[in-house]
Amino acid sequence: MKCMVKLRINMRQGSDLKCENCGVELKEDNIYVRLINGQDHYFCCSHCADKYESRLGNLDGDGCCSL
């Protein structure tokens, strides 16, 4: 069962945010934030967020937006 998560954009000026799944640089127009285990995690899209969440602790950098 999927449940709704609270999402919010929190861009800091001059930050070097990258997708936590595939490593794509995040900008204000392509950021997706998901609350996982009480912490904000930053992604380039919902697909990377889903992949990251499904395999927590087993990240290999693969994603739909890999460089």
N, C-alpha and C. Protein backbone atom coordinates (compact mmCIF):
# COMPACT_ATOMS: atom_id res chain seq x y z
N MET A 1 0.84 -1.18 0.00
CA MET A 1 0.00 0.00 0.00
C MET A 1 0.88 1.23 0.00
N LYS A 2 0.63 2.13 -0.92
CA LYS A 2 1.38 3.38 -0.99
C LYS A 2 0.66 4.42 -0.16
N CYS A 3 1.43 5.24 0.53
CA CYS A 3 0.83 6.33 1.29
C CYS A 3 1.39 7.65 0.78
N MET A 4 0.66 8.69 0.99
CA MET A 4 1.08 10.01 0.54
C MET A 4 2.24 10.49 1.42
N VAL A 5 3.18 11.17 0.80
CA VAL A 5 4.29 11.72 1.54
C VAL A 5 4.28 13.23 1.41
N LYS A 6 4.78 13.89 2.39
CA LYS A 6 4.84 15.35 2.38
C LYS A 6 6.06 15.76 1.56
N LEU A 7 5.83 16.58 0.55
CA LEU A 7 6.91 17.05 -0.32
C LEU A 7 7.04 18.55 -0.19
N ARG A 8 8.28 19.01 -0.25
CA ARG A 8 8.50 20.46 -0.25
C ARG A 8 9.83 20.75 -0.92
N ILE A 9 9.90 21.92 -1.53
CA ILE A 9 11.13 22.34 -2.18
C ILE A 9 11.86 23.28 -1.24
N ASN A 10 13.13 22.99 -1.01
CA ASN A 10 13.94 23.78 -0.10
C ASN A 10 15.29 24.03 -0.78
N MET A 11 15.31 24.94 -1.74
CA MET A 11 16.55 25.23 -2.46
C MET A 11 17.37 26.26 -1.70
N ARG A 12 18.63 25.95 -1.53
CA ARG A 12 19.56 26.89 -0.92
C ARG A 12 20.40 27.48 -2.03
N GLN A 13 20.54 28.77 -2.03
CA GLN A 13 21.28 29.42 -3.09
C GLN A 13 22.75 28.99 -3.06
N GLY A 14 23.27 28.64 -4.23
CA GLY A 14 24.68 28.25 -4.33
C GLY A 14 24.96 26.83 -3.88
N SER A 15 23.94 26.04 -3.62
CA SER A 15 24.18 24.68 -3.15
C SER A 15 24.48 23.76 -4.32
N ASP A 16 25.16 22.67 -4.04
CA ASP A 16 25.51 21.69 -5.05
C ASP A 16 24.66 20.44 -4.84
N LEU A 17 23.36 20.59 -4.92
CA LEU A 17 22.48 19.45 -4.70
C LEU A 17 22.50 18.53 -5.91
N LYS A 18 22.56 17.23 -5.64
CA LYS A 18 22.53 16.22 -6.70
C LYS A 18 21.51 15.17 -6.32
N CYS A 19 20.95 14.54 -7.35
CA CYS A 19 20.00 13.46 -7.13
C CYS A 19 20.68 12.37 -6.30
N GLU A 20 20.02 11.94 -5.24
CA GLU A 20 20.61 10.94 -4.36
C GLU A 20 20.62 9.55 -4.98
N ASN A 21 19.98 9.40 -6.12
CA ASN A 21 19.98 8.11 -6.80
C ASN A 21 20.93 8.09 -7.98
N CYS A 22 20.82 9.04 -8.90
CA CYS A 22 21.61 8.96 -10.14
C CYS A 22 22.69 10.03 -10.24
N GLY A 23 22.69 11.04 -9.37
CA GLY A 23 23.76 12.03 -9.35
C GLY A 23 23.57 13.24 -10.24
N VAL A 24 22.42 13.34 -10.92
CA VAL A 24 22.16 14.50 -11.76
C VAL A 24 22.10 15.76 -10.90
N GLU A 25 22.71 16.85 -11.38
CA GLU A 25 22.67 18.12 -10.65
C GLU A 25 21.24 18.62 -10.60
N LEU A 26 20.82 19.07 -9.41
CA LEU A 26 19.45 19.53 -9.22
C LEU A 26 19.38 21.05 -9.26
N LYS A 27 18.39 21.53 -9.96
CA LYS A 27 18.12 22.96 -10.04
C LYS A 27 16.68 23.17 -9.62
N GLU A 28 16.30 24.41 -9.45
CA GLU A 28 14.97 24.72 -8.96
C GLU A 28 13.86 24.13 -9.83
N ASP A 29 14.11 24.00 -11.13
CA ASP A 29 13.06 23.51 -12.03
C ASP A 29 13.04 21.99 -12.18
N ASN A 30 13.99 21.26 -11.56
CA ASN A 30 13.99 19.80 -11.70
C ASN A 30 14.23 19.07 -10.38
N ILE A 31 13.75 19.64 -9.28
CA ILE A 31 13.99 18.99 -7.99
C ILE A 31 12.72 18.32 -7.49
N TYR A 32 12.90 17.15 -6.92
CA TYR A 32 11.81 16.37 -6.34
C TYR A 32 12.28 15.98 -4.94
N VAL A 33 11.54 16.37 -3.93
CA VAL A 33 11.92 16.11 -2.54
C VAL A 33 10.94 15.12 -1.94
N ARG A 34 11.47 14.10 -1.29
CA ARG A 34 10.62 13.12 -0.62
C ARG A 34 11.09 12.93 0.81
N LEU A 35 10.13 12.89 1.72
CA LEU A 35 10.42 12.64 3.13
C LEU A 35 10.48 11.13 3.33
N ILE A 36 11.68 10.65 3.69
CA ILE A 36 11.90 9.22 3.92
C ILE A 36 12.50 9.06 5.29
N ASN A 37 11.86 8.30 6.14
CA ASN A 37 12.33 8.06 7.51
C ASN A 37 12.59 9.37 8.25
N GLY A 38 11.72 10.35 8.03
CA GLY A 38 11.83 11.62 8.75
C GLY A 38 12.85 12.59 8.21
N GLN A 39 13.50 12.29 7.08
CA GLN A 39 14.51 13.17 6.50
C GLN A 39 14.17 13.50 5.06
N ASP A 40 14.49 14.73 4.65
CA ASP A 40 14.30 15.13 3.26
C ASP A 40 15.38 14.50 2.40
N HIS A 41 14.98 13.91 1.28
CA HIS A 41 15.89 13.35 0.31
C HIS A 41 15.60 14.00 -1.02
N TYR A 42 16.64 14.32 -1.78
CA TYR A 42 16.52 15.11 -3.01
C TYR A 42 16.78 14.25 -4.24
N PHE A 43 15.87 14.35 -5.22
CA PHE A 43 15.94 13.56 -6.44
C PHE A 43 15.60 14.43 -7.64
N CYS A 44 15.92 13.91 -8.83
CA CYS A 44 15.59 14.63 -10.06
C CYS A 44 14.18 14.29 -10.54
N CYS A 45 13.63 13.17 -10.08
CA CYS A 45 12.28 12.77 -10.51
C CYS A 45 11.73 11.73 -9.54
N SER A 46 10.45 11.46 -9.68
CA SER A 46 9.80 10.48 -8.80
C SER A 46 10.31 9.06 -9.06
N HIS A 47 10.76 8.78 -10.30
CA HIS A 47 11.28 7.45 -10.62
C HIS A 47 12.54 7.15 -9.81
N CYS A 48 13.44 8.14 -9.73
CA CYS A 48 14.66 7.96 -8.94
C CYS A 48 14.33 7.85 -7.45
N ALA A 49 13.37 8.62 -7.00
CA ALA A 49 12.96 8.54 -5.59
C ALA A 49 12.41 7.16 -5.28
N ASP A 50 11.57 6.63 -6.17
CA ASP A 50 11.01 5.29 -5.97
C ASP A 50 12.11 4.23 -5.95
N LYS A 51 13.06 4.35 -6.88
CA LYS A 51 14.14 3.37 -6.96
C LYS A 51 15.01 3.42 -5.70
N TYR A 52 15.34 4.64 -5.26
CA TYR A 52 16.15 4.82 -4.05
C TYR A 52 15.44 4.23 -2.84
N GLU A 53 14.16 4.56 -2.71
CA GLU A 53 13.41 4.10 -1.55
C GLU A 53 13.25 2.58 -1.55
N SER A 54 13.14 1.98 -2.73
CA SER A 54 12.94 0.53 -2.82
C SER A 54 14.20 -0.25 -2.47
N ARG A 55 15.35 0.38 -2.56
CA ARG A 55 16.60 -0.33 -2.26
C ARG A 55 17.50 0.46 -1.33
N LEU A 56 16.95 1.02 -0.30
CA LEU A 56 17.74 1.77 0.69
C LEU A 56 18.94 0.96 1.14
N GLY A 57 20.09 1.61 1.14
CA GLY A 57 21.31 0.94 1.57
C GLY A 57 22.01 0.16 0.48
N ASN A 58 21.45 0.09 -0.71
CA ASN A 58 22.07 -0.66 -1.80
C ASN A 58 22.11 0.21 -3.05
N LEU A 59 22.74 1.38 -2.94
CA LEU A 59 22.77 2.33 -4.05
C LEU A 59 23.94 2.04 -4.96
N ASP A 60 23.68 2.01 -6.28
CA ASP A 60 24.77 1.82 -7.22
C ASP A 60 24.81 2.94 -8.26
N GLY A 61 23.99 3.97 -8.08
CA GLY A 61 24.04 5.10 -9.00
C GLY A 61 23.17 4.94 -10.23
N ASP A 62 22.54 3.80 -10.42
CA ASP A 62 21.67 3.62 -11.57
C ASP A 62 20.40 4.41 -11.38
N GLY A 63 19.90 4.94 -12.43
CA GLY A 63 18.63 5.64 -12.39
C GLY A 63 18.19 5.95 -13.80
N CYS A 64 17.01 6.46 -13.93
CA CYS A 64 16.50 6.75 -15.26
C CYS A 64 17.19 7.95 -15.87
N CYS A 65 17.92 8.71 -15.06
CA CYS A 65 18.53 9.96 -15.54
C CYS A 65 20.05 9.94 -15.39
N SER A 66 20.65 8.77 -15.36
CA SER A 66 22.10 8.66 -15.15
C SER A 66 22.87 9.46 -16.18
N LEU A 67 24.00 10.02 -15.73
CA LEU A 67 24.85 10.81 -16.60
C LEU A 67 25.63 9.94 -17.56
